[in-house]
Amino acid sequence: MATTYDFPSDLLAGQEELHQVRAELSALLKRLPWSVEPSDGFCDDTGWRKVERPASPGWSADEQAEVEKLRRREHELAVFVTTHRFWAEVGAADRMEIRSKLKHAHEESAQSAGGGKGA
């Protein structure tokens, strides 16, 4: 059985919000045009693979502001999670494994709350 850790609630909340902000930012970037600034489309088939992009109208000021807001929040949360006082209590040799456990803690709690998979 995998080892479980008693993470502080604020650390768990920060990590969960970080997951949410990253998912929201990723979804937003997928919806936006490929170029921030208006740009003509292009086709380049001289390389090892063909690259094509349609013309891009660019991002609106509101879209740029939303991306910037999410990136700023992502950075704040990443700093909060990685510099949390909890890590001072963890031995250096164990930090990578325990950090990975924290990243997946929301999956484990969802499985245990839902009774796990199967049945």
PDB file of N, CA and C in Angstrom:
ATOM      1  N   MET A   1       0.840  -1.180   0.000  1.00  0.00           N
ATOM      2  CA  MET A   1       0.000   0.000   0.000  1.00  0.00           C
ATOM      3  C   MET A   1       0.887   1.246   0.000  1.00  0.00           C
ATOM      4  N   ALA A   2       0.448   2.257  -0.732  1.00  0.00           N
ATOM      5  CA  ALA A   2       1.228   3.482  -0.848  1.00  0.00           C
ATOM      6  C   ALA A   2       1.186   4.283   0.457  1.00  0.00           C
ATOM      7  N   THR A   3       2.274   4.951   0.741  1.00  0.00           N
ATOM      8  CA  THR A   3       2.346   5.787   1.929  1.00  0.00           C
ATOM      9  C   THR A   3       1.489   7.025   1.714  1.00  0.00           C
ATOM     10  N   THR A   4       0.731   7.410   2.724  1.00  0.00           N
ATOM     11  CA  THR A   4      -0.039   8.644   2.654  1.00  0.00           C
ATOM     12  C   THR A   4       0.600   9.654   3.590  1.00  0.00           C
ATOM     13  N   TYR A   5       0.419  10.924   3.284  1.00  0.00           N
ATOM     14  CA  TYR A   5       1.032  11.979   4.079  1.00  0.00           C
ATOM     15  C   TYR A   5      -0.053  12.911   4.593  1.00  0.00           C
ATOM     16  N   ASP A   6       0.192  13.454   5.751  1.00  0.00           N
ATOM     17  CA  ASP A   6      -0.739  14.382   6.358  1.00  0.00           C
ATOM     18  C   ASP A   6      -0.330  15.800   5.952  1.00  0.00           C
ATOM     19  N   PHE A   7      -0.736  16.189   4.736  1.00  0.00           N
ATOM     20  CA  PHE A   7      -0.389  17.508   4.239  1.00  0.00           C
ATOM     21  C   PHE A   7      -1.244  18.565   4.936  1.00  0.00           C
ATOM     22  N   PRO A   8      -0.672  19.734   5.234  1.00  0.00           N
ATOM     23  CA  PRO A   8      -1.469  20.820   5.816  1.00  0.00           C
ATOM     24  C   PRO A   8      -2.587  21.218   4.846  1.00  0.00           C
ATOM     25  N   SER A   9      -3.723  21.623   5.392  1.00  0.00           N
ATOM     26  CA  SER A   9      -4.877  21.947   4.555  1.00  0.00           C
ATOM     27  C   SER A   9      -4.600  23.109   3.608  1.00  0.00           C
ATOM     28  N   ASP A  10      -3.812  24.106   4.055  1.00  0.00           N
ATOM     29  CA  ASP A  10      -3.531  25.228   3.160  1.00  0.00           C
ATOM     30  C   ASP A  10      -2.632  24.812   1.998  1.00  0.00           C
ATOM     31  N   LEU A  11      -1.742  23.866   2.235  1.00  0.00           N
ATOM     32  CA  LEU A  11      -0.888  23.353   1.167  1.00  0.00           C
ATOM     33  C   LEU A  11      -1.723  22.554   0.159  1.00  0.00           C
ATOM     34  N   LEU A  12      -2.620  21.716   0.662  1.00  0.00           N
ATOM     35  CA  LEU A  12      -3.520  20.970  -0.231  1.00  0.00           C
ATOM     36  C   LEU A  12      -4.395  21.918  -1.047  1.00  0.00           C
ATOM     37  N   ALA A  13      -4.923  22.944  -0.404  1.00  0.00           N
ATOM     38  CA  ALA A  13      -5.773  23.916  -1.101  1.00  0.00           C
ATOM     39  C   ALA A  13      -4.977  24.679  -2.155  1.00  0.00           C
ATOM     40  N   GLY A  14      -3.758  25.054  -1.820  1.00  0.00           N
ATOM     41  CA  GLY A  14      -2.902  25.750  -2.787  1.00  0.00           C
ATOM     42  C   GLY A  14      -2.580  24.886  -3.985  1.00  0.00           C
ATOM     43  N   GLN A  15      -2.285  23.613  -3.743  1.00  0.00           N
ATOM     44  CA  GLN A  15      -1.983  22.698  -4.843  1.00  0.00           C
ATOM     45  C   GLN A  15      -3.219  22.482  -5.706  1.00  0.00           C
ATOM     46  N   GLU A  16      -4.382  22.328  -5.102  1.00  0.00           N
ATOM     47  CA  GLU A  16      -5.620  22.137  -5.864  1.00  0.00           C
ATOM     48  C   GLU A  16      -5.928  23.365  -6.716  1.00  0.00           C
ATOM     49  N   GLU A  17      -5.771  24.551  -6.140  1.00  0.00           N
ATOM     50  CA  GLU A  17      -6.012  25.770  -6.924  1.00  0.00           C
ATOM     51  C   GLU A  17      -5.002  25.877  -8.059  1.00  0.00           C
ATOM     52  N   LEU A  18      -3.772  25.464  -7.808  1.00  0.00           N
ATOM     53  CA  LEU A  18      -2.752  25.475  -8.866  1.00  0.00           C
ATOM     54  C   LEU A  18      -3.174  24.570 -10.015  1.00  0.00           C
ATOM     55  N   HIS A  19      -3.694  23.385  -9.716  1.00  0.00           N
ATOM     56  CA  HIS A  19      -4.210  22.500 -10.773  1.00  0.00           C
ATOM     57  C   HIS A  19      -5.322  23.189 -11.554  1.00  0.00           C
ATOM     58  N   GLN A  20      -6.240  23.836 -10.837  1.00  0.00           N
ATOM     59  CA  GLN A  20      -7.377  24.486 -11.485  1.00  0.00           C
ATOM     60  C   GLN A  20      -6.940  25.650 -12.368  1.00  0.00           C
ATOM     61  N   VAL A  21      -6.027  26.471 -11.866  1.00  0.00           N
ATOM     62  CA  VAL A  21      -5.545  27.616 -12.640  1.00  0.00           C
ATOM     63  C   VAL A  21      -4.818  27.134 -13.890  1.00  0.00           C
ATOM     64  N   ARG A  22      -3.997  26.097 -13.758  1.00  0.00           N
ATOM     65  CA  ARG A  22      -3.283  25.574 -14.926  1.00  0.00           C
ATOM     66  C   ARG A  22      -4.249  25.003 -15.961  1.00  0.00           C
ATOM     67  N   ALA A  23      -5.291  24.328 -15.506  1.00  0.00           N
ATOM     68  CA  ALA A  23      -6.290  23.784 -16.442  1.00  0.00           C
ATOM     69  C   ALA A  23      -7.036  24.913 -17.140  1.00  0.00           C
ATOM     70  N   GLU A  24      -7.406  25.936 -16.397  1.00  0.00           N
ATOM     71  CA  GLU A  24      -8.110  27.082 -16.979  1.00  0.00           C
ATOM     72  C   GLU A  24      -7.223  27.813 -17.988  1.00  0.00           C
ATOM     73  N   LEU A  25      -5.943  28.009 -17.643  1.00  0.00           N
ATOM     74  CA  LEU A  25      -5.015  28.670 -18.549  1.00  0.00           C
ATOM     75  C   LEU A  25      -4.808  27.843 -19.810  1.00  0.00           C
ATOM     76  N   SER A  26      -4.650  26.549 -19.661  1.00  0.00           N
ATOM     77  CA  SER A  26      -4.464  25.671 -20.813  1.00  0.00           C
ATOM     78  C   SER A  26      -5.673  25.723 -21.742  1.00  0.00           C
ATOM     79  N   ALA A  27      -6.874  25.673 -21.178  1.00  0.00           N
ATOM     80  CA  ALA A  27      -8.094  25.729 -21.983  1.00  0.00           C
ATOM     81  C   ALA A  27      -8.202  27.077 -22.711  1.00  0.00           C
ATOM     82  N   LEU A  28      -7.871  28.144 -22.016  1.00  0.00           N
ATOM     83  CA  LEU A  28      -7.920  29.470 -22.629  1.00  0.00           C
ATOM     84  C   LEU A  28      -6.930  29.570 -23.783  1.00  0.00           C
ATOM     85  N   LEU A  29      -5.703  29.120 -23.573  1.00  0.00           N
ATOM     86  CA  LEU A  29      -4.688  29.200 -24.627  1.00  0.00           C
ATOM     87  C   LEU A  29      -5.067  28.358 -25.844  1.00  0.00           C
ATOM     88  N   LYS A  30      -5.760  27.254 -25.635  1.00  0.00           N
ATOM     89  CA  LYS A  30      -6.201  26.428 -26.764  1.00  0.00           C
ATOM     90  C   LYS A  30      -7.289  27.121 -27.579  1.00  0.00           C
ATOM     91  N   ARG A  31      -8.105  27.960 -26.929  1.00  0.00           N
ATOM     92  CA  ARG A  31      -9.182  28.673 -27.620  1.00  0.00           C
ATOM     93  C   ARG A  31      -8.675  29.894 -28.380  1.00  0.00           C
ATOM     94  N   LEU A  32      -7.593  30.484 -27.901  1.00  0.00           N
ATOM     95  CA  LEU A  32      -7.111  31.732 -28.495  1.00  0.00           C
ATOM     96  C   LEU A  32      -6.378  31.487 -29.809  1.00  0.00           C
ATOM     97  N   PRO A  33      -6.317  32.519 -30.666  1.00  0.00           N
ATOM     98  CA  PRO A  33      -5.529  32.397 -31.898  1.00  0.00           C
ATOM     99  C   PRO A  33      -4.065  32.091 -31.573  1.00  0.00           C
ATOM    100  N   TRP A  34      -3.361  31.528 -32.522  1.00  0.00           N
ATOM    101  CA  TRP A  34      -1.987  31.091 -32.286  1.00  0.00           C
ATOM    102  C   TRP A  34      -1.027  32.248 -32.053  1.00  0.00           C
ATOM    103  N   SER A  35      -1.353  33.449 -32.528  1.00  0.00           N
ATOM    104  CA  SER A  35      -0.463  34.595 -32.391  1.00  0.00           C
ATOM    105  C   SER A  35      -1.107  35.682 -31.539  1.00  0.00           C
ATOM    106  N   VAL A  36      -0.344  36.240 -30.621  1.00  0.00           N
ATOM    107  CA  VAL A  36      -0.848  37.316 -29.773  1.00  0.00           C
ATOM    108  C   VAL A  36      -1.129  38.551 -30.627  1.00  0.00           C
ATOM    109  N   GLU A  37      -0.210  38.874 -31.500  1.00  0.00           N
ATOM    110  CA  GLU A  37      -0.356  40.016 -32.412  1.00  0.00           C
ATOM    111  C   GLU A  37      -0.995  39.541 -33.714  1.00  0.00           C
ATOM    112  N   PRO A  38      -1.762  40.424 -34.390  1.00  0.00           N
ATOM    113  CA  PRO A  38      -2.303  40.029 -35.695  1.00  0.00           C
ATOM    114  C   PRO A  38      -1.158  39.600 -36.615  1.00  0.00           C
ATOM    115  N   SER A  39      -1.369  38.510 -37.322  1.00  0.00           N
ATOM    116  CA  SER A  39      -0.297  37.969 -38.169  1.00  0.00           C
ATOM    117  C   SER A  39      -0.897  37.275 -39.383  1.00  0.00           C
ATOM    118  N   ASP A  40      -0.190  37.416 -40.506  1.00  0.00           N
ATOM    119  CA  ASP A  40      -0.594  36.706 -41.711  1.00  0.00           C
ATOM    120  C   ASP A  40      -0.359  35.218 -41.510  1.00  0.00           C
ATOM    121  N   GLY A  41      -1.133  34.423 -42.211  1.00  0.00           N
ATOM    122  CA  GLY A  41      -0.902  32.987 -42.176  1.00  0.00           C
ATOM    123  C   GLY A  41       0.358  32.640 -42.951  1.00  0.00           C
ATOM    124  N   PHE A  42       0.824  31.417 -42.799  1.00  0.00           N
ATOM    125  CA  PHE A  42       2.004  30.981 -43.547  1.00  0.00           C
ATOM    126  C   PHE A  42       1.996  29.475 -43.727  1.00  0.00           C
ATOM    127  N   CYS A  43       2.784  29.050 -44.681  1.00  0.00           N
ATOM    128  CA  CYS A  43       2.984  27.629 -44.934  1.00  0.00           C
ATOM    129  C   CYS A  43       4.468  27.435 -45.226  1.00  0.00           C
ATOM    130  N   ASP A  44       5.105  26.564 -44.482  1.00  0.00           N
ATOM    131  CA  ASP A  44       6.530  26.276 -44.689  1.00  0.00           C
ATOM    132  C   ASP A  44       6.682  24.771 -44.842  1.00  0.00           C
ATOM    133  N   ASP A  45       7.006  24.348 -46.059  1.00  0.00           N
ATOM    134  CA  ASP A  45       7.207  22.919 -46.297  1.00  0.00           C
ATOM    135  C   ASP A  45       8.642  22.597 -46.691  1.00  0.00           C
ATOM    136  N   THR A  46       9.577  23.490 -46.293  1.00  0.00           N
ATOM    137  CA  THR A  46      10.979  23.262 -46.627  1.00  0.00           C
ATOM    138  C   THR A  46      11.728  22.506 -45.536  1.00  0.00           C
ATOM    139  N   GLY A  47      11.141  22.395 -44.376  1.00  0.00           N
ATOM    140  CA  GLY A  47      11.783  21.708 -43.257  1.00  0.00           C
ATOM    141  C   GLY A  47      11.485  20.225 -43.276  1.00  0.00           C
ATOM    142  N   TRP A  48      11.818  19.556 -42.205  1.00  0.00           N
ATOM    143  CA  TRP A  48      11.593  18.111 -42.113  1.00  0.00           C
ATOM    144  C   TRP A  48      10.122  17.769 -41.958  1.00  0.00           C
ATOM    145  N   ARG A  49       9.316  18.782 -41.598  1.00  0.00           N
ATOM    146  CA  ARG A  49       7.867  18.592 -41.592  1.00  0.00           C
ATOM    147  C   ARG A  49       7.205  19.907 -41.989  1.00  0.00           C
ATOM    148  N   LYS A  50       6.038  19.779 -42.550  1.00  0.00           N
ATOM    149  CA  LYS A  50       5.292  20.947 -43.007  1.00  0.00           C
ATOM    150  C   LYS A  50       4.669  21.666 -41.810  1.00  0.00           C
ATOM    151  N   VAL A  51       4.781  22.987 -41.815  1.00  0.00           N
ATOM    152  CA  VAL A  51       4.188  23.808 -40.768  1.00  0.00           C
ATOM    153  C   VAL A  51       3.263  24.813 -41.436  1.00  0.00           C
ATOM    154  N   GLU A  52       2.002  24.829 -40.986  1.00  0.00           N
ATOM    155  CA  GLU A  52       1.018  25.765 -41.525  1.00  0.00           C
ATOM    156  C   GLU A  52       0.299  26.462 -40.391  1.00  0.00           C
ATOM    157  N   ARG A  53       0.017  27.730 -40.591  1.00  0.00           N
ATOM    158  CA  ARG A  53      -0.791  28.494 -39.650  1.00  0.00           C
ATOM    159  C   ARG A  53      -1.725  29.397 -40.453  1.00  0.00           C
ATOM    160  N   PRO A  54      -2.985  29.461 -40.052  1.00  0.00           N
ATOM    161  CA  PRO A  54      -3.898  30.395 -40.711  1.00  0.00           C
ATOM    162  C   PRO A  54      -3.609  31.820 -40.233  1.00  0.00           C
ATOM    163  N   ALA A  55      -4.167  32.790 -40.902  1.00  0.00           N
ATOM    164  CA  ALA A  55      -4.022  34.175 -40.448  1.00  0.00           C
ATOM    165  C   ALA A  55      -4.590  34.284 -39.036  1.00  0.00           C
ATOM    166  N   SER A  56      -3.952  35.096 -38.211  1.00  0.00           N
ATOM    167  CA  SER A  56      -4.379  35.272 -36.823  1.00  0.00           C
ATOM    168  C   SER A  56      -4.830  36.705 -36.603  1.00  0.00           C
ATOM    169  N   PRO A  57      -6.025  36.874 -36.043  1.00  0.00           N
ATOM    170  CA  PRO A  57      -6.470  38.236 -35.732  1.00  0.00           C
ATOM    171  C   PRO A  57      -5.775  38.808 -34.487  1.00  0.00           C
ATOM    172  N   GLY A  58      -5.028  37.969 -33.789  1.00  0.00           N
ATOM    173  CA  GLY A  58      -4.376  38.390 -32.547  1.00  0.00           C
ATOM    174  C   GLY A  58      -5.330  38.270 -31.375  1.00  0.00           C
ATOM    175  N   TRP A  59      -4.832  38.626 -30.206  1.00  0.00           N
ATOM    176  CA  TRP A  59      -5.632  38.563 -28.984  1.00  0.00           C
ATOM    177  C   TRP A  59      -6.151  39.956 -28.660  1.00  0.00           C
ATOM    178  N   SER A  60      -7.342  40.001 -28.121  1.00  0.00           N
ATOM    179  CA  SER A  60      -7.888  41.282 -27.674  1.00  0.00           C
ATOM    180  C   SER A  60      -7.179  41.691 -26.377  1.00  0.00           C
ATOM    181  N   ALA A  61      -7.371  42.939 -25.988  1.00  0.00           N
ATOM    182  CA  ALA A  61      -6.780  43.417 -24.730  1.00  0.00           C
ATOM    183  C   ALA A  61      -7.331  42.620 -23.547  1.00  0.00           C
ATOM    184  N   ASP A  62      -8.620  42.278 -23.604  1.00  0.00           N
ATOM    185  CA  ASP A  62      -9.225  41.488 -22.517  1.00  0.00           C
ATOM    186  C   ASP A  62      -8.621  40.083 -22.458  1.00  0.00           C
ATOM    187  N   GLU A  63      -8.402  39.481 -23.613  1.00  0.00           N
ATOM    188  CA  GLU A  63      -7.796  38.135 -23.652  1.00  0.00           C
ATOM    189  C   GLU A  63      -6.370  38.176 -23.113  1.00  0.00           C
ATOM    190  N   GLN A  64      -5.610  39.187 -23.505  1.00  0.00           N
ATOM    191  CA  GLN A  64      -4.241  39.324 -23.003  1.00  0.00           C
ATOM    192  C   GLN A  64      -4.237  39.521 -21.484  1.00  0.00           C
ATOM    193  N   ALA A  65      -5.182  40.327 -21.000  1.00  0.00           N
ATOM    194  CA  ALA A  65      -5.262  40.570 -19.561  1.00  0.00           C
ATOM    195  C   ALA A  65      -5.637  39.298 -18.809  1.00  0.00           C
ATOM    196  N   GLU A  66      -6.544  38.498 -19.370  1.00  0.00           N
ATOM    197  CA  GLU A  66      -6.956  37.248 -18.722  1.00  0.00           C
ATOM    198  C   GLU A  66      -5.787  36.258 -18.660  1.00  0.00           C
ATOM    199  N   VAL A  67      -5.032  36.142 -19.745  1.00  0.00           N
ATOM    200  CA  VAL A  67      -3.860  35.259 -19.757  1.00  0.00           C
ATOM    201  C   VAL A  67      -2.844  35.735 -18.727  1.00  0.00           C
ATOM    202  N   GLU A  68      -2.593  37.029 -18.689  1.00  0.00           N
ATOM    203  CA  GLU A  68      -1.630  37.580 -17.737  1.00  0.00           C
ATOM    204  C   GLU A  68      -2.086  37.330 -16.295  1.00  0.00           C
ATOM    205  N   LYS A  69      -3.377  37.512 -16.021  1.00  0.00           N
ATOM    206  CA  LYS A  69      -3.921  37.291 -14.678  1.00  0.00           C
ATOM    207  C   LYS A  69      -3.727  35.831 -14.257  1.00  0.00           C
ATOM    208  N   LEU A  70      -4.038  34.898 -15.158  1.00  0.00           N
ATOM    209  CA  LEU A  70      -3.887  33.475 -14.840  1.00  0.00           C
ATOM    210  C   LEU A  70      -2.420  33.096 -14.674  1.00  0.00           C
ATOM    211  N   ARG A  71      -1.559  33.629 -15.520  1.00  0.00           N
ATOM    212  CA  ARG A  71      -0.122  33.323 -15.391  1.00  0.00           C
ATOM    213  C   ARG A  71       0.435  33.865 -14.079  1.00  0.00           C
ATOM    214  N   ARG A  72       0.005  35.060 -13.701  1.00  0.00           N
ATOM    215  CA  ARG A  72       0.462  35.645 -12.443  1.00  0.00           C
ATOM    216  C   ARG A  72      -0.012  34.799 -11.259  1.00  0.00           C
ATOM    217  N   ARG A  73      -1.281  34.380 -11.292  1.00  0.00           N
ATOM    218  CA  ARG A  73      -1.801  33.546 -10.204  1.00  0.00           C
ATOM    219  C   ARG A  73      -1.103  32.191 -10.161  1.00  0.00           C
ATOM    220  N   GLU A  74      -0.844  31.613 -11.337  1.00  0.00           N
ATOM    221  CA  GLU A  74      -0.117  30.337 -11.400  1.00  0.00           C
ATOM    222  C   GLU A  74       1.250  30.485 -10.737  1.00  0.00           C
ATOM    223  N   HIS A  75       1.940  31.564 -11.020  1.00  0.00           N
ATOM    224  CA  HIS A  75       3.254  31.800 -10.435  1.00  0.00           C
ATOM    225  C   HIS A  75       3.161  31.953  -8.922  1.00  0.00           C
ATOM    226  N   GLU A  76       2.184  32.743  -8.442  1.00  0.00           N
ATOM    227  CA  GLU A  76       2.007  32.927  -6.998  1.00  0.00           C
ATOM    228  C   GLU A  76       1.762  31.595  -6.297  1.00  0.00           C
ATOM    229  N   LEU A  77       0.907  30.777  -6.891  1.00  0.00           N
ATOM    230  CA  LEU A  77       0.589  29.485  -6.274  1.00  0.00           C
ATOM    231  C   LEU A  77       1.781  28.535  -6.311  1.00  0.00           C
ATOM    232  N   ALA A  78       2.520  28.529  -7.417  1.00  0.00           N
ATOM    233  CA  ALA A  78       3.699  27.663  -7.514  1.00  0.00           C
ATOM    234  C   ALA A  78       4.728  28.042  -6.445  1.00  0.00           C
ATOM    235  N   VAL A  79       4.920  29.335  -6.245  1.00  0.00           N
ATOM    236  CA  VAL A  79       5.846  29.794  -5.206  1.00  0.00           C
ATOM    237  C   VAL A  79       5.323  29.395  -3.825  1.00  0.00           C
ATOM    238  N   PHE A  80       4.024  29.587  -3.580  1.00  0.00           N
ATOM    239  CA  PHE A  80       3.432  29.227  -2.289  1.00  0.00           C
ATOM    240  C   PHE A  80       3.632  27.743  -1.993  1.00  0.00           C
ATOM    241  N   VAL A  81       3.321  26.896  -2.971  1.00  0.00           N
ATOM    242  CA  VAL A  81       3.406  25.446  -2.759  1.00  0.00           C
ATOM    243  C   VAL A  81       4.855  25.012  -2.547  1.00  0.00           C
ATOM    244  N   THR A  82       5.759  25.510  -3.366  1.00  0.00           N
ATOM    245  CA  THR A  82       7.144  25.026  -3.284  1.00  0.00           C
ATOM    246  C   THR A  82       7.926  25.599  -2.111  1.00  0.00           C
ATOM    247  N   THR A  83       7.468  26.707  -1.538  1.00  0.00           N
ATOM    248  CA  THR A  83       8.189  27.287  -0.399  1.00  0.00           C
ATOM    249  C   THR A  83       7.420  27.131   0.911  1.00  0.00           C
ATOM    250  N   HIS A  84       6.372  26.328   0.906  1.00  0.00           N
ATOM    251  CA  HIS A  84       5.553  26.122   2.108  1.00  0.00           C
ATOM    252  C   HIS A  84       6.414  25.575   3.248  1.00  0.00           C
ATOM    253  N   ARG A  85       6.090  25.965   4.457  1.00  0.00           N
ATOM    254  CA  ARG A  85       6.860  25.541   5.641  1.00  0.00           C
ATOM    255  C   ARG A  85       6.893  24.021   5.817  1.00  0.00           C
ATOM    256  N   PHE A  86       5.911  23.322   5.250  1.00  0.00           N
ATOM    257  CA  PHE A  86       5.860  21.863   5.347  1.00  0.00           C
ATOM    258  C   PHE A  86       7.149  21.221   4.831  1.00  0.00           C
ATOM    259  N   TRP A  87       7.731  21.784   3.772  1.00  0.00           N
ATOM    260  CA  TRP A  87       8.901  21.154   3.144  1.00  0.00           C
ATOM    261  C   TRP A  87      10.127  21.177   4.041  1.00  0.00           C
ATOM    262  N   ALA A  88      10.161  22.072   5.028  1.00  0.00           N
ATOM    263  CA  ALA A  88      11.285  22.108   5.971  1.00  0.00           C
ATOM    264  C   ALA A  88      11.276  20.879   6.874  1.00  0.00           C
ATOM    265  N   GLU A  89      10.097  20.271   7.035  1.00  0.00           N
ATOM    266  CA  GLU A  89       9.959  19.094   7.889  1.00  0.00           C
ATOM    267  C   GLU A  89      10.278  17.795   7.145  1.00  0.00           C
ATOM    268  N   VAL A  90      10.475  17.888   5.835  1.00  0.00           N
ATOM    269  CA  VAL A  90      10.681  16.704   4.992  1.00  0.00           C
ATOM    270  C   VAL A  90      12.162  16.594   4.664  1.00  0.00           C
ATOM    271  N   GLY A  91      12.707  15.405   4.806  1.00  0.00           N
ATOM    272  CA  GLY A  91      14.105  15.183   4.462  1.00  0.00           C
ATOM    273  C   GLY A  91      14.345  15.406   2.982  1.00  0.00           C
ATOM    274  N   ALA A  92      15.497  15.949   2.647  1.00  0.00           N
ATOM    275  CA  ALA A  92      15.821  16.270   1.251  1.00  0.00           C
ATOM    276  C   ALA A  92      15.685  15.053   0.338  1.00  0.00           C
ATOM    277  N   ALA A  93      16.060  13.889   0.833  1.00  0.00           N
ATOM    278  CA  ALA A  93      16.008  12.673   0.016  1.00  0.00           C
ATOM    279  C   ALA A  93      14.571  12.263  -0.316  1.00  0.00           C
ATOM    280  N   ASP A  94      13.611  12.689   0.500  1.00  0.00           N
ATOM    281  CA  ASP A  94      12.211  12.299   0.308  1.00  0.00           C
ATOM    282  C   ASP A  94      11.363  13.349  -0.391  1.00  0.00           C
ATOM    283  N   ARG A  95      11.880  14.549  -0.579  1.00  0.00           N
ATOM    284  CA  ARG A  95      11.060  15.649  -1.094  1.00  0.00           C
ATOM    285  C   ARG A  95      10.456  15.377  -2.464  1.00  0.00           C
ATOM    286  N   MET A  96      11.216  14.809  -3.364  1.00  0.00           N
ATOM    287  CA  MET A  96      10.701  14.588  -4.711  1.00  0.00           C
ATOM    288  C   MET A  96       9.506  13.627  -4.681  1.00  0.00           C
ATOM    289  N   GLU A  97       9.625  12.544  -3.948  1.00  0.00           N
ATOM    290  CA  GLU A  97       8.526  11.569  -3.857  1.00  0.00           C
ATOM    291  C   GLU A  97       7.300  12.178  -3.191  1.00  0.00           C
ATOM    292  N   ILE A  98       7.517  12.915  -2.114  1.00  0.00           N
ATOM    293  CA  ILE A  98       6.401  13.504  -1.381  1.00  0.00           C
ATOM    294  C   ILE A  98       5.765  14.627  -2.195  1.00  0.00           C
ATOM    295  N   ARG A  99       6.568  15.381  -2.935  1.00  0.00           N
ATOM    296  CA  ARG A  99       6.021  16.424  -3.816  1.00  0.00           C
ATOM    297  C   ARG A  99       5.111  15.790  -4.872  1.00  0.00           C
ATOM    298  N   SER A 100       5.533  14.654  -5.397  1.00  0.00           N
ATOM    299  CA  SER A 100       4.710  13.937  -6.369  1.00  0.00           C
ATOM    300  C   SER A 100       3.404  13.473  -5.735  1.00  0.00           C
ATOM    301  N   LYS A 101       3.470  13.010  -4.500  1.00  0.00           N
ATOM    302  CA  LYS A 101       2.257  12.597  -3.777  1.00  0.00           C
ATOM    303  C   LYS A 101       1.303  13.780  -3.608  1.00  0.00           C
ATOM    304  N   LEU A 102       1.853  14.953  -3.304  1.00  0.00           N
ATOM    305  CA  LEU A 102       1.017  16.142  -3.155  1.00  0.00           C
ATOM    306  C   LEU A 102       0.330  16.483  -4.477  1.00  0.00           C
ATOM    307  N   LYS A 103       1.061  16.393  -5.574  1.00  0.00           N
ATOM    308  CA  LYS A 103       0.479  16.718  -6.883  1.00  0.00           C
ATOM    309  C   LYS A 103      -0.705  15.819  -7.210  1.00  0.00           C
ATOM    310  N   HIS A 104      -0.714  14.596  -6.681  1.00  0.00           N
ATOM    311  CA  HIS A 104      -1.777  13.637  -6.988  1.00  0.00           C
ATOM    312  C   HIS A 104      -2.721  13.404  -5.812  1.00  0.00           C
ATOM    313  N   ALA A 105      -2.580  14.188  -4.756  1.00  0.00           N
ATOM    314  CA  ALA A 105      -3.408  14.002  -3.559  1.00  0.00           C
ATOM    315  C   ALA A 105      -4.889  14.182  -3.865  1.00  0.00           C
ATOM    316  N   HIS A 106      -5.216  15.101  -4.776  1.00  0.00           N
ATOM    317  CA  HIS A 106      -6.634  15.319  -5.099  1.00  0.00           C
ATOM    318  C   HIS A 106      -7.237  14.105  -5.797  1.00  0.00           C
ATOM    319  N   GLU A 107      -6.444  13.372  -6.565  1.00  0.00           N
ATOM    320  CA  GLU A 107      -6.925  12.161  -7.234  1.00  0.00           C
ATOM    321  C   GLU A 107      -7.204  11.069  -6.196  1.00  0.00           C
ATOM    322  N   GLU A 108      -6.301  10.915  -5.260  1.00  0.00           N
ATOM    323  CA  GLU A 108      -6.454   9.900  -4.221  1.00  0.00           C
ATOM    324  C   GLU A 108      -7.641  10.188  -3.323  1.00  0.00           C
ATOM    325  N   SER A 109      -7.851  11.470  -2.961  1.00  0.00           N
ATOM    326  CA  SER A 109      -8.989  11.803  -2.108  1.00  0.00           C
ATOM    327  C   SER A 109     -10.298  11.624  -2.861  1.00  0.00           C
ATOM    328  N   ALA A 110     -10.305  11.888  -4.160  1.00  0.00           N
ATOM    329  CA  ALA A 110     -11.519  11.676  -4.957  1.00  0.00           C
ATOM    330  C   ALA A 110     -11.838  10.190  -5.066  1.00  0.00           C
ATOM    331  N   GLN A 111     -10.820   9.352  -5.209  1.00  0.00           N
ATOM    332  CA  GLN A 111     -11.036   7.918  -5.287  1.00  0.00           C
ATOM    333  C   GLN A 111     -11.548   7.370  -3.959  1.00  0.00           C
ATOM    334  N   SER A 112     -10.961   7.811  -2.862  1.00  0.00           N
ATOM    335  CA  SER A 112     -11.399   7.296  -1.563  1.00  0.00           C
ATOM    336  C   SER A 112     -12.803   7.809  -1.217  1.00  0.00           C
ATOM    337  N   ALA A 113     -13.139   9.011  -1.620  1.00  0.00           N
ATOM    338  CA  ALA A 113     -14.479   9.553  -1.363  1.00  0.00           C
ATOM    339  C   ALA A 113     -15.525   8.845  -2.214  1.00  0.00           C
ATOM    340  N   GLY A 114     -15.130   8.446  -3.430  1.00  0.00           N
ATOM    341  CA  GLY A 114     -16.055   7.768  -4.315  1.00  0.00           C
ATOM    342  C   GLY A 114     -16.010   6.261  -4.187  1.00  0.00           C
ATOM    343  N   GLY A 115     -15.243   5.763  -3.264  1.00  0.00           N
ATOM    344  CA  GLY A 115     -15.163   4.327  -3.061  1.00  0.00           C
ATOM    345  C   GLY A 115     -14.181   3.637  -3.983  1.00  0.00           C
ATOM    346  N   GLY A 116     -13.338   4.439  -4.671  1.00  0.00           N
ATOM    347  CA  GLY A 116     -12.357   3.832  -5.566  1.00  0.00           C
ATOM    348  C   GLY A 116     -12.955   3.463  -6.890  1.00  0.00           C
ATOM    349  N   LYS A 117     -12.165   2.806  -7.735  1.00  0.00           N
ATOM    350  CA  LYS A 117     -12.610   2.390  -9.063  1.00  0.00           C
ATOM    351  C   LYS A 117     -13.126   0.967  -9.014  1.00  0.00           C
ATOM    352  N   GLY A 118     -13.857   0.640 -10.025  1.00  0.00           N
ATOM    353  CA  GLY A 118     -14.336  -0.752 -10.139  1.00  0.00           C
ATOM    354  C   GLY A 118     -15.748  -0.892  -9.656  1.00  0.00           C
ATOM    355  N   ALA A 119     -16.110  -2.101  -9.249  1.00  0.00           N
ATOM    356  CA  ALA A 119     -17.445  -2.460  -8.733  1.00  0.00           C
ATOM    357  C   ALA A 119     -18.492  -2.344  -9.724  1.00  0.00           C
TER     358      ALA A 119
END
